[in-house]
Amino acid sequence: MSGLTKLTSLFASALFTLLAGTNAQAAVSISLSGSSELSNAALERYRSNSISANISLGLGDHFHLGLTHRRSFDNKVGLKKTEIAETKTIDYLPFEDNVVSTTNSVDLTIIPFNGVISPLVFGGVARRDYYNELEFLGSRIVSKQTMFPIPTYGFGTIIRLGAGMQLKITQTYSPGVQTTLEDGEEISRLVKDSYTQVWLGYRI
């Protein structure tokens, strides 16, 4: 069974459990978030895009069970400056580095109290897939990595805009992988990833 199938099954099981344990009327919320960045530094250009979608079921006034999909794309292209030891001259080597990250998570959100502005905290479990493609010195190197299961958690606030529309601001934390080159060997270690999102949503 794939990680996404496991997450979907977990979402369905938790949803059934919560529905069986409450008589409160449920409300469905759909939210979207996206970002785009283009920057230049020295001999390199960096471009980043991300998009996220969330569907959640509110049970009662203080709990939301949600399924979130996030996909990000990072592209770095330019020239690497290097010195040729034999001739003591400077050379410029072209490169391009592309990274695609896909995250699917099941989250439980707790809203302590409801109002025009409502604080929230959330936590859950996620699957993250990395795809990296590097072109350098005439070679194309492709690598893939999957992290599952990993925890995801954070906090935020919901601002009611009226007519079912709402603005949601969240700060999310989850484990990530950082790979460095030490003595000619690739060493991977866990680090903490974080990102801030502004969501525009509609409550049915």
Protein backbone atom coordinates (compact mmCIF):
# COMPACT_ATOMS: atom_id res chain seq x y z
CA MET A 1 0.00 0.00 0.00
CA SER A 2 1.45 3.40 -0.99
CA GLY A 3 2.01 6.20 1.50
CA LEU A 4 -0.75 8.32 -0.05
CA THR A 5 -3.20 5.41 0.15
CA LYS A 6 -2.27 4.89 3.80
CA LEU A 7 -2.85 8.58 4.53
CA THR A 8 -6.23 8.51 2.77
CA SER A 9 -7.24 5.41 4.74
CA LEU A 10 -6.11 7.09 7.96
CA PHE A 11 -8.16 10.18 7.09
CA ALA A 12 -11.24 8.05 6.40
CA SER A 13 -10.83 6.04 9.61
CA ALA A 14 -10.39 9.13 11.77
CA LEU A 15 -13.34 10.78 10.04
CA PHE A 16 -15.57 7.78 10.72
CA THR A 17 -14.49 7.68 14.37
CA LEU A 18 -15.22 11.36 14.89
CA LEU A 19 -18.56 11.16 13.08
CA ALA A 20 -19.58 8.19 15.22
CA GLY A 21 -18.69 10.08 18.38
CA THR A 22 -20.47 13.35 17.75
CA ASN A 23 -23.92 14.54 16.76
CA ALA A 24 -22.70 18.00 15.83
CA GLN A 25 -23.38 19.31 12.34
CA ALA A 26 -20.27 19.06 10.16
CA ALA A 27 -19.02 21.82 7.85
CA VAL A 28 -16.62 21.34 4.96
CA SER A 29 -13.89 23.91 4.24
CA ILE A 30 -11.77 24.12 1.10
CA SER A 31 -8.63 26.30 1.09
CA LEU A 32 -5.92 27.14 -1.47
CA SER A 33 -2.50 28.72 -1.06
CA GLY A 34 0.32 29.48 -3.50
CA SER A 35 3.57 31.40 -3.86
CA SER A 36 6.09 32.35 -6.52
CA GLU A 37 9.61 33.82 -6.26
CA LEU A 38 12.24 34.88 -8.77
CA SER A 39 15.58 36.26 -7.60
CA ASN A 40 19.10 36.78 -8.91
CA ALA A 41 22.40 36.70 -7.06
CA ALA A 42 25.82 37.02 -8.68
CA LEU A 43 26.04 34.36 -11.40
CA GLU A 44 22.92 32.44 -10.37
CA ARG A 45 19.16 32.79 -10.85
CA TYR A 46 16.71 31.20 -8.42
CA ARG A 47 13.04 30.46 -9.10
CA SER A 48 10.60 28.89 -6.64
CA ASN A 49 6.90 28.02 -6.92
CA SER A 50 4.55 26.23 -4.56
CA ILE A 51 0.86 25.41 -4.37
CA SER A 52 -1.17 23.87 -1.56
CA ALA A 53 -4.75 22.62 -1.25
CA ASN A 54 -6.60 21.60 1.90
CA ILE A 55 -10.00 20.07 2.51
CA SER A 56 -11.19 19.77 6.08
CA LEU A 57 -14.28 18.65 7.94
CA GLY A 58 -15.30 20.65 10.97
CA LEU A 59 -16.91 18.58 13.71
CA GLY A 60 -18.49 20.72 16.36
CA ASP A 61 -17.02 24.13 17.08
CA HIS A 62 -13.47 23.23 17.99
CA PHE A 63 -12.14 20.40 15.78
CA HIS A 64 -11.24 20.12 12.10
CA LEU A 65 -9.96 16.96 10.41
CA GLY A 66 -8.12 17.80 7.20
CA LEU A 67 -6.22 16.40 4.23
CA THR A 68 -3.49 18.67 2.79
CA HIS A 69 -1.51 18.40 -0.45
CA ARG A 70 1.54 20.63 -1.00
CA ARG A 71 3.82 20.68 -4.03
CA SER A 72 6.88 22.91 -4.42
CA PHE A 73 9.34 23.39 -7.27
CA ASP A 74 12.79 24.98 -6.96
CA ASN A 75 15.04 25.79 -9.91
CA LYS A 76 18.58 27.17 -9.69
CA VAL A 77 20.55 27.89 -12.85
CA GLY A 78 23.72 29.80 -13.62
CA LEU A 79 27.49 29.52 -13.55
CA LYS A 80 29.82 28.11 -10.90
CA LYS A 81 33.07 30.03 -10.60
CA THR A 82 36.14 27.80 -10.20
CA GLU A 83 39.90 28.14 -10.34
CA ILE A 84 41.94 25.74 -12.48
CA ALA A 85 44.91 24.75 -10.30
CA GLU A 86 47.31 23.94 -13.17
CA THR A 87 46.98 27.27 -14.95
CA LYS A 88 45.76 29.49 -12.08
CA THR A 89 42.98 30.74 -14.34
CA ILE A 90 39.29 31.25 -13.59
CA ASP A 91 36.66 29.18 -15.36
CA TYR A 92 32.86 29.39 -15.31
CA LEU A 93 30.94 26.12 -15.37
CA PRO A 94 27.21 26.10 -16.27
CA PHE A 95 24.79 24.15 -14.07
CA GLU A 96 21.08 23.65 -13.45
CA ASP A 97 19.53 22.19 -10.31
CA ASN A 98 15.84 21.26 -10.04
CA VAL A 99 14.08 19.99 -6.91
CA VAL A 100 10.43 18.94 -6.67
CA SER A 101 8.94 18.24 -3.24
CA THR A 102 5.47 16.74 -2.72
CA THR A 103 3.88 16.49 0.72
CA ASN A 104 0.57 14.84 1.66
CA SER A 105 -0.63 15.04 5.24
CA VAL A 106 -3.57 14.25 7.50
CA ASP A 107 -4.04 16.86 10.23
CA LEU A 108 -6.23 17.42 13.26
CA THR A 109 -6.82 21.12 13.98
CA ILE A 110 -7.97 22.40 17.36
CA ILE A 111 -9.67 25.81 17.61
CA PRO A 112 -9.84 26.87 21.30
CA PHE A 113 -12.52 29.49 20.69
CA ASN A 114 -14.38 30.86 17.68
CA GLY A 115 -14.84 34.47 16.69
CA VAL A 116 -14.09 36.86 13.86
CA ILE A 117 -10.45 35.98 14.55
CA SER A 118 -9.92 32.40 15.78
CA PRO A 119 -6.55 30.97 16.89
CA LEU A 120 -5.70 27.37 16.03
CA VAL A 121 -3.08 24.65 16.57
CA PHE A 122 -2.71 21.50 14.50
CA GLY A 123 -0.72 18.30 14.20
CA GLY A 124 -0.70 15.18 12.07
CA VAL A 125 1.27 12.73 9.99
CA ALA A 126 2.68 13.25 6.48
CA ARG A 127 4.48 11.63 3.55
CA ARG A 128 7.09 13.68 1.66
CA ASP A 129 8.64 12.77 -1.70
CA TYR A 130 11.73 14.50 -3.12
CA TYR A 131 12.87 14.44 -6.75
CA ASN A 132 16.21 16.10 -7.59
CA GLU A 133 17.76 16.55 -11.03
CA LEU A 134 21.21 18.12 -11.41
CA GLU A 135 22.96 18.92 -14.69
CA PHE A 136 26.66 19.76 -14.25
CA LEU A 137 29.86 19.11 -16.21
CA GLY A 138 27.92 17.38 -18.97
CA SER A 139 26.31 14.90 -16.57
CA ARG A 140 22.69 14.53 -15.46
CA ILE A 141 22.23 13.18 -11.95
CA VAL A 142 18.77 12.14 -10.72
CA SER A 143 17.94 11.20 -7.14
CA LYS A 144 14.70 10.37 -5.31
CA GLN A 145 13.86 10.13 -1.62
CA THR A 146 10.74 9.43 0.42
CA MET A 147 10.05 10.23 4.08
CA PHE A 148 7.09 8.45 5.65
CA PRO A 149 5.68 8.70 8.19
CA ILE A 150 6.83 12.08 9.50
CA PRO A 151 5.13 14.41 11.99
CA THR A 152 3.77 17.78 10.95
CA TYR A 153 2.51 20.46 13.33
CA GLY A 154 2.04 24.19 13.73
CA PHE A 155 -0.24 27.05 14.69
CA GLY A 156 -2.13 29.89 13.06
CA THR A 157 -5.33 31.88 12.93
CA ILE A 158 -8.57 32.02 10.93
CA ILE A 159 -10.11 35.37 9.98
CA ARG A 160 -13.78 35.27 8.97
CA LEU A 161 -14.46 37.43 5.91
CA GLY A 162 -18.18 36.83 5.64
CA ALA A 163 -20.37 34.97 3.12
CA GLY A 164 -18.51 31.74 3.94
CA MET A 165 -15.11 33.14 2.94
CA GLN A 166 -12.19 32.95 5.33
CA LEU A 167 -8.52 33.86 5.44
CA LYS A 168 -6.21 31.41 7.20
CA ILE A 169 -2.60 32.06 8.20
CA THR A 170 -0.49 29.08 9.30
CA GLN A 171 3.06 28.36 10.41
CA THR A 172 3.99 24.73 9.75
CA TYR A 173 6.95 22.65 11.01
CA SER A 174 8.06 19.20 9.82
CA PRO A 175 11.29 17.20 9.46
CA GLY A 176 13.40 17.59 6.32
CA VAL A 177 16.63 16.09 5.01
CA GLN A 178 19.87 18.01 4.48
CA THR A 179 22.71 16.33 2.59
CA THR A 180 26.30 17.57 2.81
CA LEU A 181 29.57 16.32 1.34
CA GLU A 182 32.12 15.31 3.99
CA ASP A 183 35.43 13.69 3.02
CA GLY A 184 33.99 12.78 -0.36
CA GLU A 185 30.91 11.08 1.09
CA GLU A 186 27.29 12.22 1.12
CA ILE A 187 26.04 12.61 4.69
CA SER A 188 22.29 13.05 5.26
CA ARG A 189 20.82 14.42 8.47
CA LEU A 190 17.38 15.45 9.66
CA VAL A 191 16.64 19.17 9.93
CA LYS A 192 13.50 21.13 10.78
CA ASP A 193 11.65 22.60 7.79
CA SER A 194 9.22 25.47 8.32
CA TYR A 195 7.04 27.60 6.12
CA THR A 196 4.38 30.27 6.52
CA GLN A 197 1.26 30.20 4.37
CA VAL A 198 -1.72 32.48 3.72
CA TRP A 199 -4.78 30.50 2.65
CA LEU A 200 -7.97 31.73 1.02
CA GLY A 201 -10.84 29.37 1.76
CA TYR A 202 -14.57 28.82 1.58
CA ARG A 203 -16.73 27.12 4.18
CA ILE A 204 -19.68 25.12 2.89
